[in-house]
Amino acid sequence: MLLDIIKVAYVSEYKLICQFENGEKKIVDLKDRLKGPIFEPLKDINFFKKVYLDKNLGTIAWPNGADKAPECLYEIGIPIQ
């Protein structure tokens, strides 16, 4: 099932709250998932905080072109109220 992300908010460290189009909200910790050259800049927490919602892709992205697949974020996320 492919669910677009409709809202993202920075929480702390490398954690984000992602809201999916089905209404579910999940905390996603990306600390151990910033591997590869495109994700290297995101290890700088100040750059990581620049996360935004790319409505064209239906997922989160950063100014350097990095993004994460929404299905991956849904799978690894921990549901919250």
PDB file of N, CA and C in Angstrom:
ATOM      1  N   MET A   1       0.843  -1.176   0.000  1.00  0.00           N
ATOM      2  CA  MET A   1       0.000   0.000   0.000  1.00  0.00           C
ATOM      3  C   MET A   1       0.892   1.245   0.000  1.00  0.00           C
ATOM      4  N   LEU A   2       0.661   2.128  -0.929  1.00  0.00           N
ATOM      5  CA  LEU A   2       1.437   3.359  -1.007  1.00  0.00           C
ATOM      6  C   LEU A   2       0.615   4.500  -0.434  1.00  0.00           C
ATOM      7  N   LEU A   3       1.124   5.102   0.633  1.00  0.00           N
ATOM      8  CA  LEU A   3       0.453   6.219   1.275  1.00  0.00           C
ATOM      9  C   LEU A   3       1.350   7.441   1.223  1.00  0.00           C
ATOM     10  N   ASP A   4       0.840   8.520   0.675  1.00  0.00           N
ATOM     11  CA  ASP A   4       1.607   9.763   0.675  1.00  0.00           C
ATOM     12  C   ASP A   4       1.677  10.342   2.078  1.00  0.00           C
ATOM     13  N   ILE A   5       2.735  11.070   2.327  1.00  0.00           N
ATOM     14  CA  ILE A   5       2.863  11.834   3.562  1.00  0.00           C
ATOM     15  C   ILE A   5       2.237  13.198   3.293  1.00  0.00           C
ATOM     16  N   ILE A   6       1.411  13.654   4.223  1.00  0.00           N
ATOM     17  CA  ILE A   6       0.744  14.945   4.033  1.00  0.00           C
ATOM     18  C   ILE A   6       1.231  16.012   5.011  1.00  0.00           C
ATOM     19  N   LYS A   7       2.027  15.595   6.006  1.00  0.00           N
ATOM     20  CA  LYS A   7       2.542  16.545   6.985  1.00  0.00           C
ATOM     21  C   LYS A   7       3.783  15.958   7.635  1.00  0.00           C
ATOM     22  N   VAL A   8       4.762  16.823   7.900  1.00  0.00           N
ATOM     23  CA  VAL A   8       5.965  16.376   8.593  1.00  0.00           C
ATOM     24  C   VAL A   8       6.365  17.430   9.611  1.00  0.00           C
ATOM     25  N   ALA A   9       6.867  16.967  10.749  1.00  0.00           N
ATOM     26  CA  ALA A   9       7.331  17.883  11.793  1.00  0.00           C
ATOM     27  C   ALA A   9       8.575  17.286  12.446  1.00  0.00           C
ATOM     28  N   TYR A  10       9.555  18.140  12.687  1.00  0.00           N
ATOM     29  CA  TYR A  10      10.770  17.732  13.389  1.00  0.00           C
ATOM     30  C   TYR A  10      10.432  17.556  14.868  1.00  0.00           C
ATOM     31  N   VAL A  11      10.977  16.491  15.485  1.00  0.00           N
ATOM     32  CA  VAL A  11      10.740  16.227  16.899  1.00  0.00           C
ATOM     33  C   VAL A  11      12.005  16.489  17.700  1.00  0.00           C
ATOM     34  N   SER A  12      13.032  15.673  17.479  1.00  0.00           N
ATOM     35  CA  SER A  12      14.314  15.790  18.177  1.00  0.00           C
ATOM     36  C   SER A  12      15.299  14.853  17.505  1.00  0.00           C
ATOM     37  N   GLU A  13      16.574  15.103  17.740  1.00  0.00           N
ATOM     38  CA  GLU A  13      17.640  14.287  17.153  1.00  0.00           C
ATOM     39  C   GLU A  13      17.322  14.025  15.678  1.00  0.00           C
ATOM     40  N   TYR A  14      17.141  12.766  15.297  1.00  0.00           N
ATOM     41  CA  TYR A  14      16.831  12.420  13.900  1.00  0.00           C
ATOM     42  C   TYR A  14      15.414  11.858  13.788  1.00  0.00           C
ATOM     43  N   LYS A  15      14.542  12.357  14.644  1.00  0.00           N
ATOM     44  CA  LYS A  15      13.159  11.880  14.693  1.00  0.00           C
ATOM     45  C   LYS A  15      12.205  12.916  14.102  1.00  0.00           C
ATOM     46  N   LEU A  16      11.248  12.385  13.344  1.00  0.00           N
ATOM     47  CA  LEU A  16      10.222  13.198  12.707  1.00  0.00           C
ATOM     48  C   LEU A  16       8.859  12.588  12.996  1.00  0.00           C
ATOM     49  N   ILE A  17       7.850  13.425  12.999  1.00  0.00           N
ATOM     50  CA  ILE A  17       6.477  12.925  12.996  1.00  0.00           C
ATOM     51  C   ILE A  17       5.979  13.070  11.572  1.00  0.00           C
ATOM     52  N   CYS A  18       5.541  11.961  11.002  1.00  0.00           N
ATOM     53  CA  CYS A  18       4.982  11.961   9.651  1.00  0.00           C
ATOM     54  C   CYS A  18       3.504  11.618   9.749  1.00  0.00           C
ATOM     55  N   GLN A  19       2.687  12.428   9.088  1.00  0.00           N
ATOM     56  CA  GLN A  19       1.268  12.109   8.992  1.00  0.00           C
ATOM     57  C   GLN A  19       1.000  11.630   7.579  1.00  0.00           C
ATOM     58  N   PHE A  20       0.346  10.480   7.495  1.00  0.00           N
ATOM     59  CA  PHE A  20       0.063   9.860   6.209  1.00  0.00           C
ATOM     60  C   PHE A  20      -1.361  10.182   5.772  1.00  0.00           C
ATOM     61  N   GLU A  21      -1.627  10.025   4.489  1.00  0.00           N
ATOM     62  CA  GLU A  21      -2.920  10.416   3.943  1.00  0.00           C
ATOM     63  C   GLU A  21      -4.090   9.619   4.510  1.00  0.00           C
ATOM     64  N   ASN A  22      -3.819   8.498   5.152  1.00  0.00           N
ATOM     65  CA  ASN A  22      -4.898   7.726   5.790  1.00  0.00           C
ATOM     66  C   ASN A  22      -5.186   8.234   7.203  1.00  0.00           C
ATOM     67  N   GLY A  23      -4.499   9.310   7.625  1.00  0.00           N
ATOM     68  CA  GLY A  23      -4.714   9.919   8.930  1.00  0.00           C
ATOM     69  C   GLY A  23      -3.761   9.441  10.003  1.00  0.00           C
ATOM     70  N   GLU A  24      -3.040   8.360   9.753  1.00  0.00           N
ATOM     71  CA  GLU A  24      -2.105   7.847  10.758  1.00  0.00           C
ATOM     72  C   GLU A  24      -0.911   8.777  10.918  1.00  0.00           C
ATOM     73  N   LYS A  25      -0.459   8.889  12.172  1.00  0.00           N
ATOM     74  CA  LYS A  25       0.759   9.641  12.479  1.00  0.00           C
ATOM     75  C   LYS A  25       1.752   8.659  13.073  1.00  0.00           C
ATOM     76  N   LYS A  26       2.994   8.799  12.646  1.00  0.00           N
ATOM     77  CA  LYS A  26       4.034   7.909  13.156  1.00  0.00           C
ATOM     78  C   LYS A  26       5.307   8.703  13.435  1.00  0.00           C
ATOM     79  N   ILE A  27       6.008   8.292  14.489  1.00  0.00           N
ATOM     80  CA  ILE A  27       7.336   8.839  14.757  1.00  0.00           C
ATOM     81  C   ILE A  27       8.328   7.971  13.995  1.00  0.00           C
ATOM     82  N   VAL A  28       9.157   8.631  13.217  1.00  0.00           N
ATOM     83  CA  VAL A  28      10.147   7.950  12.398  1.00  0.00           C
ATOM     84  C   VAL A  28      11.535   8.393  12.851  1.00  0.00           C
ATOM     85  N   ASP A  29      12.362   7.436  13.214  1.00  0.00           N
ATOM     86  CA  ASP A  29      13.738   7.723  13.628  1.00  0.00           C
ATOM     87  C   ASP A  29      14.664   7.329  12.474  1.00  0.00           C
ATOM     88  N   LEU A  30      15.321   8.330  11.890  1.00  0.00           N
ATOM     89  CA  LEU A  30      16.180   8.082  10.730  1.00  0.00           C
ATOM     90  C   LEU A  30      17.664   8.031  11.080  1.00  0.00           C
ATOM     91  N   LYS A  31      17.984   8.013  12.364  1.00  0.00           N
ATOM     92  CA  LYS A  31      19.383   8.058  12.796  1.00  0.00           C
ATOM     93  C   LYS A  31      20.253   7.008  12.101  1.00  0.00           C
ATOM     94  N   ASP A  32      19.769   5.787  12.004  1.00  0.00           N
ATOM     95  CA  ASP A  32      20.571   4.704  11.416  1.00  0.00           C
ATOM     96  C   ASP A  32      20.274   4.508   9.930  1.00  0.00           C
ATOM     97  N   ARG A  33      19.563   5.429   9.310  1.00  0.00           N
ATOM     98  CA  ARG A  33      19.164   5.275   7.910  1.00  0.00           C
ATOM     99  C   ARG A  33      19.692   6.403   7.016  1.00  0.00           C
ATOM    100  N   LEU A  34      20.741   7.054   7.471  1.00  0.00           N
ATOM    101  CA  LEU A  34      21.344   8.141   6.693  1.00  0.00           C
ATOM    102  C   LEU A  34      22.645   7.661   6.067  1.00  0.00           C
ATOM    103  N   LYS A  35      22.525   6.686   5.199  1.00  0.00           N
ATOM    104  CA  LYS A  35      23.701   6.084   4.566  1.00  0.00           C
ATOM    105  C   LYS A  35      23.763   6.477   3.101  1.00  0.00           C
ATOM    106  N   GLY A  36      24.979   6.662   2.613  1.00  0.00           N
ATOM    107  CA  GLY A  36      25.186   7.030   1.219  1.00  0.00           C
ATOM    108  C   GLY A  36      25.460   8.513   1.074  1.00  0.00           C
ATOM    109  N   PRO A  37      26.087   8.892  -0.027  1.00  0.00           N
ATOM    110  CA  PRO A  37      26.517  10.281  -0.237  1.00  0.00           C
ATOM    111  C   PRO A  37      25.389  11.310  -0.167  1.00  0.00           C
ATOM    112  N   ILE A  38      24.215  10.984  -0.676  1.00  0.00           N
ATOM    113  CA  ILE A  38      23.116  11.961  -0.684  1.00  0.00           C
ATOM    114  C   ILE A  38      22.623  12.265   0.729  1.00  0.00           C
ATOM    115  N   PHE A  39      22.779  11.295   1.641  1.00  0.00           N
ATOM    116  CA  PHE A  39      22.304  11.481   3.010  1.00  0.00           C
ATOM    117  C   PHE A  39      23.380  11.996   3.966  1.00  0.00           C
ATOM    118  N   GLU A  40      24.625  12.048   3.533  1.00  0.00           N
ATOM    119  CA  GLU A  40      25.726  12.507   4.387  1.00  0.00           C
ATOM    120  C   GLU A  40      25.464  13.897   4.989  1.00  0.00           C
ATOM    121  N   PRO A  41      24.995  14.885   4.208  1.00  0.00           N
ATOM    122  CA  PRO A  41      24.734  16.205   4.784  1.00  0.00           C
ATOM    123  C   PRO A  41      23.671  16.188   5.884  1.00  0.00           C
ATOM    124  N   LEU A  42      22.775  15.198   5.866  1.00  0.00           N
ATOM    125  CA  LEU A  42      21.706  15.133   6.853  1.00  0.00           C
ATOM    126  C   LEU A  42      22.205  14.738   8.238  1.00  0.00           C
ATOM    127  N   LYS A  43      23.432  14.255   8.314  1.00  0.00           N
ATOM    128  CA  LYS A  43      24.008  13.924   9.614  1.00  0.00           C
ATOM    129  C   LYS A  43      24.284  15.180  10.435  1.00  0.00           C
ATOM    130  N   ASP A  44      24.362  16.326   9.766  1.00  0.00           N
ATOM    131  CA  ASP A  44      24.417  17.623  10.452  1.00  0.00           C
ATOM    132  C   ASP A  44      22.987  17.936  10.877  1.00  0.00           C
ATOM    133  N   ILE A  45      22.738  17.928  12.164  1.00  0.00           N
ATOM    134  CA  ILE A  45      21.378  18.064  12.685  1.00  0.00           C
ATOM    135  C   ILE A  45      20.701  19.346  12.204  1.00  0.00           C
ATOM    136  N   ASN A  46      21.473  20.415  12.036  1.00  0.00           N
ATOM    137  CA  ASN A  46      20.868  21.662  11.549  1.00  0.00           C
ATOM    138  C   ASN A  46      20.369  21.519  10.119  1.00  0.00           C
ATOM    139  N   PHE A  47      21.079  20.731   9.310  1.00  0.00           N
ATOM    140  CA  PHE A  47      20.609  20.481   7.952  1.00  0.00           C
ATOM    141  C   PHE A  47      19.434  19.504   7.977  1.00  0.00           C
ATOM    142  N   PHE A  48      19.499  18.506   8.840  1.00  0.00           N
ATOM    143  CA  PHE A  48      18.404  17.543   8.966  1.00  0.00           C
ATOM    144  C   PHE A  48      17.088  18.256   9.270  1.00  0.00           C
ATOM    145  N   LYS A  49      17.149  19.275  10.106  1.00  0.00           N
ATOM    146  CA  LYS A  49      15.959  20.032  10.500  1.00  0.00           C
ATOM    147  C   LYS A  49      15.310  20.769   9.327  1.00  0.00           C
ATOM    148  N   LYS A  50      15.993  20.871   8.210  1.00  0.00           N
ATOM    149  CA  LYS A  50      15.444  21.555   7.037  1.00  0.00           C
ATOM    150  C   LYS A  50      14.501  20.660   6.229  1.00  0.00           C
ATOM    151  N   VAL A  51      14.107  19.541   6.811  1.00  0.00           N
ATOM    152  CA  VAL A  51      13.182  18.615   6.159  1.00  0.00           C
ATOM    153  C   VAL A  51      11.914  19.367   5.758  1.00  0.00           C
ATOM    154  N   TYR A  52      11.356  18.989   4.628  1.00  0.00           N
ATOM    155  CA  TYR A  52      10.098  19.592   4.184  1.00  0.00           C
ATOM    156  C   TYR A  52       9.275  18.545   3.445  1.00  0.00           C
ATOM    157  N   LEU A  53       8.016  18.859   3.254  1.00  0.00           N
ATOM    158  CA  LEU A  53       7.124  17.978   2.530  1.00  0.00           C
ATOM    159  C   LEU A  53       7.179  18.325   1.045  1.00  0.00           C
ATOM    160  N   ASP A  54       7.558  17.358   0.233  1.00  0.00           N
ATOM    161  CA  ASP A  54       7.550  17.534  -1.221  1.00  0.00           C
ATOM    162  C   ASP A  54       6.223  16.963  -1.722  1.00  0.00           C
ATOM    163  N   LYS A  55       5.279  17.858  -1.981  1.00  0.00           N
ATOM    164  CA  LYS A  55       3.937  17.413  -2.373  1.00  0.00           C
ATOM    165  C   LYS A  55       3.935  16.686  -3.710  1.00  0.00           C
ATOM    166  N   ASN A  56       4.871  16.997  -4.596  1.00  0.00           N
ATOM    167  CA  ASN A  56       4.943  16.302  -5.883  1.00  0.00           C
ATOM    168  C   ASN A  56       5.341  14.843  -5.707  1.00  0.00           C
ATOM    169  N   LEU A  57       6.225  14.587  -4.749  1.00  0.00           N
ATOM    170  CA  LEU A  57       6.677  13.219  -4.486  1.00  0.00           C
ATOM    171  C   LEU A  57       5.797  12.501  -3.457  1.00  0.00           C
ATOM    172  N   GLY A  58       5.077  13.287  -2.658  1.00  0.00           N
ATOM    173  CA  GLY A  58       4.255  12.693  -1.608  1.00  0.00           C
ATOM    174  C   GLY A  58       5.068  12.171  -0.446  1.00  0.00           C
ATOM    175  N   THR A  59       6.241  12.784  -0.235  1.00  0.00           N
ATOM    176  CA  THR A  59       7.103  12.328   0.849  1.00  0.00           C
ATOM    177  C   THR A  59       7.959  13.481   1.363  1.00  0.00           C
ATOM    178  N   ILE A  60       8.838  13.158   2.297  1.00  0.00           N
ATOM    179  CA  ILE A  60       9.729  14.164   2.862  1.00  0.00           C
ATOM    180  C   ILE A  60      10.983  14.288   2.011  1.00  0.00           C
ATOM    181  N   ALA A  61      11.582  15.483   2.062  1.00  0.00           N
ATOM    182  CA  ALA A  61      12.796  15.739   1.281  1.00  0.00           C
ATOM    183  C   ALA A  61      13.616  16.813   1.988  1.00  0.00           C
ATOM    184  N   TRP A  62      14.821  17.011   1.470  1.00  0.00           N
ATOM    185  CA  TRP A  62      15.737  18.028   1.991  1.00  0.00           C
ATOM    186  C   TRP A  62      16.260  18.859   0.829  1.00  0.00           C
ATOM    187  N   PRO A  63      16.798  20.049   1.118  1.00  0.00           N
ATOM    188  CA  PRO A  63      17.252  20.951   0.055  1.00  0.00           C
ATOM    189  C   PRO A  63      18.322  20.392  -0.886  1.00  0.00           C
ATOM    190  N   ASN A  64      19.055  19.360  -0.470  1.00  0.00           N
ATOM    191  CA  ASN A  64      20.096  18.799  -1.335  1.00  0.00           C
ATOM    192  C   ASN A  64      19.547  17.738  -2.299  1.00  0.00           C
ATOM    193  N   GLY A  65      18.236  17.501  -2.282  1.00  0.00           N
ATOM    194  CA  GLY A  65      17.630  16.520  -3.172  1.00  0.00           C
ATOM    195  C   GLY A  65      17.395  15.160  -2.541  1.00  0.00           C
ATOM    196  N   ALA A  66      17.830  14.973  -1.309  1.00  0.00           N
ATOM    197  CA  ALA A  66      17.590  13.703  -0.613  1.00  0.00           C
ATOM    198  C   ALA A  66      16.108  13.568  -0.288  1.00  0.00           C
ATOM    199  N   ASP A  67      15.610  12.345  -0.375  1.00  0.00           N
ATOM    200  CA  ASP A  67      14.234  12.068   0.046  1.00  0.00           C
ATOM    201  C   ASP A  67      14.160  10.624   0.523  1.00  0.00           C
ATOM    202  N   LYS A  68      13.075  10.300   1.170  1.00  0.00           N
ATOM    203  CA  LYS A  68      12.848   8.938   1.667  1.00  0.00           C
ATOM    204  C   LYS A  68      11.494   8.460   1.167  1.00  0.00           C
ATOM    205  N   ALA A  69      11.441   7.214   0.732  1.00  0.00           N
ATOM    206  CA  ALA A  69      10.203   6.639   0.224  1.00  0.00           C
ATOM    207  C   ALA A  69       9.154   6.580   1.342  1.00  0.00           C
ATOM    208  N   PRO A  70       7.940   7.019   1.049  1.00  0.00           N
ATOM    209  CA  PRO A  70       6.905   7.020   2.092  1.00  0.00           C
ATOM    210  C   PRO A  70       6.574   5.627   2.617  1.00  0.00           C
ATOM    211  N   GLU A  71       6.664   4.605   1.761  1.00  0.00           N
ATOM    212  CA  GLU A  71       6.360   3.254   2.243  1.00  0.00           C
ATOM    213  C   GLU A  71       7.390   2.774   3.257  1.00  0.00           C
ATOM    214  N   CYS A  72       8.638   3.190   3.090  1.00  0.00           N
ATOM    215  CA  CYS A  72       9.684   2.859   4.059  1.00  0.00           C
ATOM    216  C   CYS A  72       9.402   3.563   5.392  1.00  0.00           C
ATOM    217  N   LEU A  73       9.052   4.830   5.318  1.00  0.00           N
ATOM    218  CA  LEU A  73       8.765   5.598   6.531  1.00  0.00           C
ATOM    219  C   LEU A  73       7.559   5.022   7.262  1.00  0.00           C
ATOM    220  N   TYR A  74       6.561   4.599   6.512  1.00  0.00           N
ATOM    221  CA  TYR A  74       5.366   3.994   7.108  1.00  0.00           C
ATOM    222  C   TYR A  74       5.738   2.693   7.827  1.00  0.00           C
ATOM    223  N   GLU A  75       6.572   1.910   7.186  1.00  0.00           N
ATOM    224  CA  GLU A  75       6.969   0.611   7.734  1.00  0.00           C
ATOM    225  C   GLU A  75       7.789   0.734   9.013  1.00  0.00           C
ATOM    226  N   ILE A  76       8.711   1.691   9.051  1.00  0.00           N
ATOM    227  CA  ILE A  76       9.600   1.804  10.212  1.00  0.00           C
ATOM    228  C   ILE A  76       9.032   2.706  11.304  1.00  0.00           C
ATOM    229  N   GLY A  77       7.976   3.447  10.987  1.00  0.00           N
ATOM    230  CA  GLY A  77       7.401   4.379  11.947  1.00  0.00           C
ATOM    231  C   GLY A  77       6.682   3.698  13.094  1.00  0.00           C
ATOM    232  N   ILE A  78       6.674   4.393  14.215  1.00  0.00           N
ATOM    233  CA  ILE A  78       5.976   3.925  15.402  1.00  0.00           C
ATOM    234  C   ILE A  78       4.695   4.752  15.548  1.00  0.00           C
ATOM    235  N   PRO A  79       3.527   4.101  15.536  1.00  0.00           N
ATOM    236  CA  PRO A  79       2.263   4.839  15.599  1.00  0.00           C
ATOM    237  C   PRO A  79       2.132   5.675  16.864  1.00  0.00           C
ATOM    238  N   ILE A  80       1.540   6.856  16.705  1.00  0.00           N
ATOM    239  CA  ILE A  80       1.231   7.724  17.836  1.00  0.00           C
ATOM    240  C   ILE A  80      -0.223   8.178  17.701  1.00  0.00           C
ATOM    241  N   GLN A  81      -0.742   8.735  18.758  1.00  0.00           N
ATOM    242  CA  GLN A  81      -2.132   9.226  18.756  1.00  0.00           C
ATOM    243  C   GLN A  81      -2.235  10.553  18.086  1.00  0.00           C
TER     244      GLN A  81
END
